[in-house]
Amino acid sequence: MSENLRIALAVVLILVVGFVGYKVLFPGEDTMPLLVQAVEGSVQHVNDKGERADVSPGLILKRASRIETQADGRAFLALGGGSTLTVDQASSVRILDITQDGVRIELDNGSVEATVRPERGSLGIVHSDREVVGRDGSFAVGVNSGGSMAVETHQGAVEILGVDDVQGLEQGERLLLLSDGSSRVAAIPESLLLEVAWPESARTRHAEVAVRGLTDPGAEVRVGAAGHWTTVVADASGHFEANIPLEEGENPLRVITQDPLGRTTQDQKLVTRDSEPPSSASFEVQY
């Protein structure tokens, strides 16, 4: 073997070892950047040191950084290769991993909508010990404070990890995971169910009224009147009940239900409280 060939091989070996070492020390540094494409309303970025700042388009997100949206805010993230992620209102996500093979994001609360293209690799949305993995298509994932989680596949299929009896979803399917650990798969509904069993009488002397109804299992239900709001979670059958205090006079009762993906619907009725005793009927005695 000539001296020049030995030197060339040595150089190649050094480059290979250096490249591998760089990959170990700085994984994912040459991957497509994950950046904020656009924002609406109030959105904040929290870096890996816990420092907060308002988000502006063009911000490059790194591992361990967090995006938090307020009730009026949304963030639109470009993942590279045509893949995108929308962080919906009142939501919080954290970047877990960014590599050539894909992106993994933790959903703390709220909901996200994803479009994944195979050029970018997979996108994993993680919550608790469950993960939704998409490789080509569009899907949505949401969680609420009641412990329920929902996944909808709008295009393509997704893989489900961490759920014993469900391994994946096909296009047009919805997975609902309740706080009790139960799960159910069905077609994506056209709208959020809400049926309210209002009190039969619109007038009452009682200081409170019971409002019962039916909605999607695991949905959060807010029932209120005159500034008094009560939040309950529908049970595994979708039933809910809340006792609402009434003020003297007219009380415009409202019922607002919201599923983990942020879909809402509502109903209302006017109930009047009249606690005054009926006046005695006056009459004249005739002789």
Protein backbone atom coordinates (compact mmCIF):
# COMPACT_ATOMS: atom_id res chain seq x y z
CA MET A 1 0.00 0.00 0.00
CA SER A 2 1.46 3.35 -1.05
CA GLU A 3 2.13 6.15 1.41
CA ASN A 4 -0.41 8.44 -0.29
CA LEU A 5 -3.13 5.80 -0.04
CA ARG A 6 -2.42 5.26 3.66
CA ILE A 7 -2.65 8.99 4.27
CA ALA A 8 -5.95 9.19 2.35
CA LEU A 9 -7.45 6.31 4.34
CA ALA A 10 -6.32 7.90 7.58
CA VAL A 11 -7.99 11.17 6.62
CA VAL A 12 -11.23 9.38 5.74
CA LEU A 13 -11.12 7.50 9.06
CA ILE A 14 -10.60 10.73 10.97
CA LEU A 15 -13.52 12.36 9.18
CA VAL A 16 -15.81 9.39 9.88
CA VAL A 17 -14.85 9.29 13.56
CA GLY A 18 -15.30 13.04 13.82
CA PHE A 19 -18.70 12.91 12.14
CA VAL A 20 -19.91 10.12 14.43
CA GLY A 21 -18.58 11.96 17.48
CA TYR A 22 -20.32 15.15 16.38
CA LYS A 23 -23.58 13.27 15.99
CA VAL A 24 -23.24 11.86 19.50
CA LEU A 25 -22.39 15.20 21.09
CA PHE A 26 -24.76 17.34 18.99
CA PRO A 27 -27.59 15.15 17.75
CA GLY A 28 -29.99 16.70 15.28
CA GLU A 29 -28.01 19.92 14.74
CA ASP A 30 -28.20 19.52 10.94
CA THR A 31 -31.90 18.65 10.84
CA MET A 32 -34.56 20.88 9.38
CA PRO A 33 -35.33 23.68 11.85
CA LEU A 34 -38.59 23.80 13.73
CA LEU A 35 -39.80 27.38 13.62
CA VAL A 36 -42.81 29.55 14.38
CA GLN A 37 -44.44 30.43 11.06
CA ALA A 38 -47.22 32.69 12.36
CA VAL A 39 -49.06 33.63 15.56
CA GLU A 40 -52.51 34.89 16.48
CA GLY A 41 -53.34 36.60 19.78
CA SER A 42 -51.29 36.00 22.93
CA VAL A 43 -48.56 33.35 22.57
CA GLN A 44 -45.46 32.92 24.74
CA HIS A 45 -42.22 30.99 24.37
CA VAL A 46 -40.49 29.44 27.38
CA ASN A 47 -36.89 28.36 26.78
CA ASP A 48 -34.99 25.56 28.50
CA LYS A 49 -33.97 28.01 31.26
CA GLY A 50 -37.56 28.96 32.07
CA GLU A 51 -37.28 32.42 30.53
CA ARG A 52 -40.52 33.72 29.00
CA ALA A 53 -41.02 35.98 25.99
CA ASP A 54 -43.77 36.85 23.53
CA VAL A 55 -43.54 34.85 20.32
CA SER A 56 -42.84 36.43 16.94
CA PRO A 57 -42.83 34.68 13.55
CA GLY A 58 -39.43 33.30 12.60
CA LEU A 59 -38.51 32.06 16.08
CA ILE A 60 -36.53 28.81 15.87
CA LEU A 61 -37.59 26.29 18.51
CA LYS A 62 -35.06 24.01 20.17
CA ARG A 63 -35.32 20.90 22.26
CA ALA A 64 -37.00 21.47 25.69
CA SER A 65 -38.53 24.81 24.66
CA ARG A 66 -42.23 25.37 25.24
CA ILE A 67 -45.04 27.19 23.43
CA GLU A 68 -48.03 28.41 25.48
CA THR A 69 -51.12 29.98 23.94
CA GLN A 70 -53.76 31.97 25.80
CA ALA A 71 -57.52 31.79 25.25
CA ASP A 72 -57.19 34.17 22.29
CA GLY A 73 -53.96 32.76 20.88
CA ARG A 74 -52.78 30.23 18.33
CA ALA A 75 -49.32 29.32 17.04
CA PHE A 76 -48.51 27.86 13.63
CA LEU A 77 -45.29 25.84 13.55
CA ALA A 78 -43.36 24.72 10.47
CA LEU A 79 -41.63 21.40 11.11
CA GLY A 80 -39.86 21.19 7.76
CA GLY A 81 -40.53 19.09 4.69
CA GLY A 82 -44.09 20.37 4.44
CA SER A 83 -45.10 19.18 7.92
CA THR A 84 -46.93 21.66 10.15
CA LEU A 85 -48.40 21.85 13.64
CA THR A 86 -51.06 24.25 14.89
CA VAL A 87 -51.16 24.87 18.63
CA ASP A 88 -54.77 25.79 19.40
CA GLN A 89 -56.14 28.24 21.96
CA ALA A 90 -55.34 27.73 25.67
CA SER A 91 -52.77 25.03 24.94
CA SER A 92 -49.23 24.19 25.99
CA VAL A 93 -46.66 22.05 24.17
CA ARG A 94 -42.99 21.19 24.80
CA ILE A 95 -40.42 20.08 22.24
CA LEU A 96 -39.10 16.67 23.26
CA ASP A 97 -36.90 15.74 20.31
CA ILE A 98 -35.90 17.02 16.86
CA THR A 99 -33.97 14.61 14.63
CA GLN A 100 -33.68 13.67 10.98
CA ASP A 101 -36.20 10.89 11.62
CA GLY A 102 -38.89 13.22 12.95
CA VAL A 103 -40.18 15.37 15.78
CA ARG A 104 -41.68 14.45 19.15
CA ILE A 105 -43.79 17.00 21.05
CA GLU A 106 -45.40 16.74 24.48
CA LEU A 107 -48.96 18.07 24.78
CA ASP A 108 -49.48 19.29 28.34
CA ASN A 109 -53.00 20.63 27.86
CA GLY A 110 -55.28 21.89 25.12
CA SER A 111 -55.18 20.63 21.54
CA VAL A 112 -53.04 20.54 18.40
CA GLU A 113 -53.69 19.90 14.72
CA ALA A 114 -50.95 18.28 12.64
CA THR A 115 -50.14 17.74 8.98
CA VAL A 116 -47.30 15.30 8.40
CA ARG A 117 -45.37 14.66 5.20
CA PRO A 118 -43.01 11.69 4.83
CA GLU A 119 -40.16 13.97 3.72
CA ARG A 120 -39.88 15.20 7.34
CA GLY A 121 -40.24 11.84 9.01
CA SER A 122 -42.71 11.03 11.76
CA LEU A 123 -44.45 13.35 14.21
CA GLY A 124 -45.21 12.04 17.70
CA ILE A 125 -47.62 13.81 20.06
CA VAL A 126 -47.06 12.62 23.62
CA HIS A 127 -49.34 12.99 26.64
CA SER A 128 -48.73 11.12 29.87
CA ASP A 129 -47.68 7.58 28.83
CA ARG A 130 -49.53 7.68 25.50
CA GLU A 131 -48.27 8.73 22.09
CA VAL A 132 -49.89 9.39 18.72
CA VAL A 133 -47.53 8.92 15.75
CA GLY A 134 -48.29 10.17 12.26
CA ARG A 135 -46.12 9.70 9.17
CA ASP A 136 -48.25 10.90 6.27
CA GLY A 137 -51.59 12.66 6.69
CA SER A 138 -53.38 14.99 9.09
CA PHE A 139 -54.73 14.41 12.58
CA ALA A 140 -55.70 16.23 15.78
CA VAL A 141 -54.99 15.47 19.45
CA GLY A 142 -56.56 17.09 22.50
CA VAL A 143 -56.67 16.71 26.27
CA ASN A 144 -58.77 18.44 28.92
CA SER A 145 -58.46 19.11 32.63
CA GLY A 146 -60.84 16.26 33.38
CA GLY A 147 -58.25 13.74 32.18
CA SER A 148 -59.88 12.84 28.86
CA MET A 149 -57.92 12.58 25.60
CA ALA A 150 -59.22 12.55 22.03
CA VAL A 151 -57.54 11.74 18.71
CA GLU A 152 -59.08 12.28 15.27
CA THR A 153 -57.60 11.20 11.93
CA HIS A 154 -58.65 13.44 9.05
CA GLN A 155 -56.30 12.05 6.40
CA GLY A 156 -54.19 8.92 6.43
CA ALA A 157 -53.65 6.75 9.50
CA VAL A 158 -51.89 7.13 12.86
CA GLU A 159 -50.20 4.74 15.26
CA ILE A 160 -51.31 4.70 18.91
CA LEU A 161 -48.80 3.78 21.62
CA GLY A 162 -49.56 3.16 25.27
CA VAL A 163 -53.21 2.08 24.86
CA ASP A 164 -53.73 -1.64 25.40
CA ASP A 165 -56.69 -2.28 23.13
CA VAL A 166 -56.02 0.30 20.37
CA GLN A 167 -52.91 0.21 18.19
CA GLY A 168 -53.94 2.66 15.49
CA LEU A 169 -56.65 4.69 13.77
CA GLU A 170 -57.71 4.81 10.15
CA GLN A 171 -58.87 7.88 8.29
CA GLY A 172 -62.15 9.27 9.63
CA GLU A 173 -61.90 7.58 13.04
CA ARG A 174 -61.87 9.10 16.52
CA LEU A 175 -60.33 7.62 19.66
CA LEU A 176 -61.68 8.78 23.00
CA LEU A 177 -59.70 7.93 26.14
CA LEU A 178 -61.46 8.63 29.43
CA SER A 179 -59.95 9.34 32.83
CA ASP A 180 -61.05 5.91 34.09
CA GLY A 181 -58.77 4.23 31.52
CA SER A 182 -61.55 3.12 29.17
CA SER A 183 -61.29 3.77 25.44
CA ARG A 184 -63.63 3.77 22.47
CA VAL A 185 -63.17 4.13 18.73
CA ALA A 186 -65.92 5.46 16.46
CA ALA A 187 -66.41 7.58 13.37
CA ILE A 188 -65.64 11.29 13.78
CA PRO A 189 -68.96 12.96 14.72
CA GLU A 190 -70.31 15.82 12.64
CA SER A 191 -70.99 17.89 15.77
CA LEU A 192 -70.71 17.76 19.54
CA LEU A 193 -73.77 16.22 21.18
CA LEU A 194 -75.71 18.25 23.72
CA GLU A 195 -79.18 17.39 25.06
CA VAL A 196 -80.31 19.33 28.15
CA ALA A 197 -83.17 18.17 30.38
CA TRP A 198 -84.28 21.62 31.53
CA PRO A 199 -86.62 21.99 34.53
CA GLU A 200 -90.22 21.54 33.45
CA SER A 201 -91.30 24.82 34.99
CA ALA A 202 -89.66 28.12 34.09
CA ARG A 203 -90.57 29.49 37.56
CA THR A 204 -89.46 28.19 40.92
CA ARG A 205 -89.25 29.22 44.60
CA HIS A 206 -86.14 27.16 45.23
CA ALA A 207 -82.72 28.70 45.79
CA GLU A 208 -81.08 26.37 43.25
CA VAL A 209 -81.99 24.25 40.27
CA ALA A 210 -80.63 20.93 39.00
CA VAL A 211 -79.58 20.91 35.34
CA ARG A 212 -79.08 17.49 33.75
CA GLY A 213 -78.17 16.41 30.25
CA LEU A 214 -76.27 14.26 27.79
CA THR A 215 -73.11 15.05 25.83
CA ASP A 216 -69.95 13.26 24.68
CA PRO A 217 -68.32 11.08 27.36
CA GLY A 218 -65.47 12.91 29.07
CA ALA A 219 -66.52 16.35 27.79
CA GLU A 220 -66.28 19.33 30.15
CA VAL A 221 -69.61 20.99 30.84
CA ARG A 222 -70.00 24.51 32.22
CA VAL A 223 -73.38 25.46 33.61
CA GLY A 224 -74.01 29.00 34.81
CA ALA A 225 -76.43 31.77 35.67
CA ALA A 226 -75.90 35.31 36.94
CA GLY A 227 -72.13 34.86 37.24
CA HIS A 228 -72.33 31.53 39.11
CA TRP A 229 -70.59 28.89 36.99
CA THR A 230 -70.12 25.23 37.78
CA THR A 231 -67.88 22.89 35.75
CA VAL A 232 -68.48 19.15 35.66
CA VAL A 233 -67.19 16.30 33.49
CA ALA A 234 -69.60 14.00 31.67
CA ASP A 235 -69.35 10.38 32.79
CA ALA A 236 -68.59 7.35 30.61
CA SER A 237 -72.19 7.39 29.36
CA GLY A 238 -72.12 11.10 28.58
CA HIS A 239 -74.48 12.11 31.40
CA PHE A 240 -73.88 15.20 33.51
CA GLU A 241 -75.64 17.02 36.35
CA ALA A 242 -75.00 20.33 38.09
CA ASN A 243 -76.84 22.24 40.82
CA ILE A 244 -76.91 25.96 40.06
CA PRO A 245 -77.76 28.66 42.63
CA LEU A 246 -80.46 31.11 41.54
CA GLU A 247 -80.86 34.77 42.29
CA GLU A 248 -84.24 36.37 42.88
CA GLY A 249 -85.84 37.21 39.55
CA GLU A 250 -84.76 36.13 36.09
CA ASN A 251 -81.78 33.79 35.67
CA PRO A 252 -80.56 33.16 32.10
CA LEU A 253 -79.14 29.66 32.44
CA ARG A 254 -76.51 28.51 29.95
CA VAL A 255 -74.93 25.12 29.33
CA ILE A 256 -71.65 25.03 27.39
CA THR A 257 -69.99 21.71 26.62
CA GLN A 258 -66.48 21.29 25.19
CA ASP A 259 -64.68 18.15 24.08
CA PRO A 260 -60.90 17.63 24.45
CA LEU A 261 -60.31 18.96 20.92
CA GLY A 262 -61.94 22.29 21.75
CA ARG A 263 -65.19 21.70 19.86
CA THR A 264 -68.06 23.44 21.70
CA THR A 265 -71.84 23.70 21.65
CA GLN A 266 -74.33 25.34 24.00
CA ASP A 267 -77.95 25.72 25.01
CA GLN A 268 -79.81 28.16 27.26
CA LYS A 269 -83.08 28.77 29.06
CA LEU A 270 -84.55 31.51 31.24
CA VAL A 271 -85.56 30.39 34.74
CA THR A 272 -87.23 32.81 37.16
CA ARG A 273 -86.96 32.51 40.91
CA ASP A 274 -89.92 33.96 42.83
CA SER A 275 -89.57 33.21 46.53
CA GLU A 276 -92.27 35.66 47.68
CA PRO A 277 -95.26 33.88 49.26
CA PRO A 278 -98.53 34.30 47.37
CA SER A 279 -100.65 37.19 48.66
CA SER A 280 -103.95 36.35 50.40
CA ALA A 281 -106.96 36.86 48.21
CA SER A 282 -109.00 39.76 49.54
CA PHE A 283 -112.73 39.56 49.42
CA GLU A 284 -115.72 41.50 50.80
CA VAL A 285 -118.21 39.77 53.06
CA GLN A 286 -121.72 40.24 51.80
CA TYR A 287 -124.68 40.44 54.24
